[in-house]
Amino acid sequence: MAARTASGSVVVPAPPAEVFTLLADPRRHAEIDGSGTVQSIVDAPERLELGSTFSVAMQMGAKYRTTNTVVEFEPDRRIAWKHFAPHRWRYELEPVEGGTRVTETWDASRYNAVTFLPVRALGFPAKAQQGIDGTLQRLRERFS
């Protein structure tokens, strides 16, 4: 079975609560996005919680707008969202010596082999991995 996830981790010198505050504020997502696709937030609450929705102006080739819904939420530990498609973007936080281990995962495991074909044709999960690597670098820089 072909890989349907991309993931990476980084330790940032900040407590989980501080990192989670940044991740749970959708208005700040463009500031840490390492993929270059998040342009701006169109509509969002100040702080996300389970079931929250937020709309994002995006650009991946063409400009478009998408609405995400928070589908996993554990304060200071985990947050994930998805749009109309079944893949999720997830951040998991773990306190470690020197700060917080942040793991970002692009999880497309909910696709079956046939429905994943067009996603793979668009270059995923490799594109997701590049974005994750860039985002984690920005997070490290943000908290250093």
Protein backbone atom coordinates (compact mmCIF):
# COMPACT_ATOMS: atom_id res chain seq x y z
CA MET A 1 0.00 0.00 0.00
CA ALA A 2 1.36 3.43 -0.95
CA ALA A 3 2.05 5.90 1.85
CA ARG A 4 -0.92 8.07 2.70
CA THR A 5 0.69 10.17 5.41
CA ALA A 6 3.49 12.67 5.81
CA SER A 7 4.88 13.66 9.17
CA GLY A 8 7.70 15.40 10.97
CA SER A 9 8.68 16.58 14.43
CA VAL A 10 10.68 19.38 15.96
CA VAL A 11 11.44 20.43 19.53
CA VAL A 12 10.69 24.09 20.20
CA PRO A 13 11.87 25.93 23.32
CA ALA A 14 8.40 26.78 24.62
CA PRO A 15 5.82 25.07 26.82
CA PRO A 16 2.96 23.16 25.14
CA ALA A 17 0.39 25.77 26.21
CA GLU A 18 2.26 28.52 24.37
CA VAL A 19 2.62 26.46 21.19
CA PHE A 20 -1.02 25.36 21.35
CA THR A 21 -2.16 28.97 21.70
CA LEU A 22 -0.49 29.75 18.38
CA LEU A 23 -1.94 26.67 16.62
CA ALA A 24 -5.44 27.28 17.98
CA ASP A 25 -5.50 30.83 16.58
CA PRO A 26 -6.34 30.38 12.88
CA ARG A 27 -5.61 34.04 12.18
CA ARG A 28 -1.92 33.18 12.72
CA HIS A 29 -1.70 30.11 10.47
CA ALA A 30 -0.25 32.02 7.49
CA GLU A 31 2.58 33.16 9.77
CA ILE A 32 3.79 29.58 10.31
CA ASP A 33 2.70 27.93 7.04
CA GLY A 34 5.75 26.43 5.38
CA SER A 35 3.93 25.27 2.25
CA GLY A 36 3.26 28.73 0.86
CA THR A 37 -0.37 27.82 0.21
CA VAL A 38 -2.09 29.61 3.12
CA GLN A 39 -2.64 33.18 1.96
CA SER A 40 -4.97 34.62 4.60
CA ILE A 41 -7.84 33.77 6.88
CA VAL A 42 -11.20 34.81 5.46
CA ASP A 43 -13.41 34.01 8.43
CA ALA A 44 -12.46 32.45 11.76
CA PRO A 45 -13.05 32.57 15.49
CA GLU A 46 -10.29 33.95 17.69
CA ARG A 47 -9.63 30.50 19.14
CA LEU A 48 -10.45 27.11 17.71
CA GLU A 49 -12.22 24.34 19.59
CA LEU A 50 -13.75 21.02 18.59
CA GLY A 51 -16.26 21.66 15.78
CA SER A 52 -15.01 25.19 14.98
CA THR A 53 -14.91 26.17 11.32
CA PHE A 54 -12.58 28.62 9.63
CA SER A 55 -12.27 29.73 6.02
CA VAL A 56 -8.91 30.19 4.36
CA ALA A 57 -7.81 31.90 1.14
CA MET A 58 -5.35 29.48 -0.44
CA GLN A 59 -3.13 29.26 -3.49
CA MET A 60 -1.78 26.04 -4.92
CA GLY A 61 -1.42 26.90 -8.57
CA ALA A 62 -4.83 28.58 -8.69
CA LYS A 63 -6.32 30.71 -5.93
CA TYR A 64 -9.20 29.16 -4.03
CA ARG A 65 -11.01 29.28 -0.72
CA THR A 66 -11.67 26.37 1.60
CA THR A 67 -13.47 25.91 4.90
CA ASN A 68 -11.94 23.68 7.54
CA THR A 69 -13.54 22.04 10.56
CA VAL A 70 -11.69 21.13 13.76
CA VAL A 71 -12.14 17.36 14.16
CA GLU A 72 -9.68 16.58 16.98
CA PHE A 73 -9.05 18.78 19.98
CA GLU A 74 -7.27 18.22 23.26
CA PRO A 75 -6.02 21.50 24.78
CA ASP A 76 -2.23 21.81 24.88
CA ARG A 77 -1.85 18.29 23.36
CA ARG A 78 -3.55 17.85 19.97
CA ILE A 79 -5.51 19.71 17.32
CA ALA A 80 -6.55 18.59 13.84
CA TRP A 81 -8.75 19.94 11.07
CA LYS A 82 -10.03 18.87 7.69
CA HIS A 83 -11.97 20.37 4.80
CA PHE A 84 -14.39 18.59 2.41
CA ALA A 85 -11.88 15.83 1.62
CA PRO A 86 -11.06 13.09 4.15
CA HIS A 87 -7.43 14.06 4.88
CA ARG A 88 -6.50 15.87 8.08
CA TRP A 89 -3.77 18.19 9.25
CA ARG A 90 -2.83 17.27 12.81
CA TYR A 91 -0.50 18.80 15.40
CA GLU A 92 0.47 16.79 18.46
CA LEU A 93 2.37 18.38 21.34
CA GLU A 94 4.48 16.54 23.88
CA PRO A 95 6.34 18.19 26.75
CA VAL A 96 10.02 17.24 26.64
CA GLU A 97 13.18 18.52 28.25
CA GLY A 98 13.91 21.88 26.69
CA GLY A 99 10.37 22.59 25.51
CA THR A 100 7.76 20.86 23.38
CA ARG A 101 8.03 18.22 20.69
CA VAL A 102 5.64 19.30 17.93
CA THR A 103 4.62 16.61 15.46
CA GLU A 104 2.71 17.70 12.38
CA THR A 105 1.00 15.02 10.29
CA TRP A 106 -0.86 15.14 6.99
CA ASP A 107 -3.09 12.09 7.33
CA ALA A 108 -4.84 10.75 4.23
CA SER A 109 -5.36 7.25 5.62
CA ARG A 110 -9.13 7.59 5.28
CA TYR A 111 -8.90 7.42 1.48
CA ASN A 112 -9.27 4.06 -0.23
CA ALA A 113 -6.89 3.04 -3.03
CA VAL A 114 -9.12 4.42 -5.80
CA THR A 115 -10.06 7.74 -4.21
CA PHE A 116 -6.40 8.39 -3.32
CA LEU A 117 -5.26 8.20 -6.97
CA PRO A 118 -6.09 11.84 -7.85
CA VAL A 119 -4.45 13.03 -4.62
CA ARG A 120 -1.29 11.09 -5.50
CA ALA A 121 -1.45 12.52 -9.05
CA LEU A 122 -1.26 16.01 -7.50
CA GLY A 123 2.04 15.07 -5.85
CA PHE A 124 0.93 14.07 -2.39
CA PRO A 125 2.13 13.04 0.12
CA ALA A 126 5.48 14.50 -1.07
CA LYS A 127 4.03 18.04 -1.30
CA ALA A 128 2.61 17.68 2.18
CA GLN A 129 6.01 16.59 3.49
CA GLN A 130 7.67 19.68 2.01
CA GLY A 131 5.05 21.90 3.66
CA ILE A 132 5.45 20.12 7.00
CA ASP A 133 9.23 20.51 6.90
CA GLY A 134 8.84 24.23 6.20
CA THR A 135 6.19 24.74 8.87
CA LEU A 136 8.23 22.97 11.54
CA GLN A 137 11.24 25.13 10.66
CA ARG A 138 9.10 28.25 11.03
CA LEU A 139 7.77 27.04 14.38
CA ARG A 140 11.31 26.44 15.63
CA GLU A 141 12.34 29.93 14.49
CA ARG A 142 9.20 31.50 15.97
CA PHE A 143 9.94 30.14 19.45
CA SER A 144 13.74 30.49 19.41
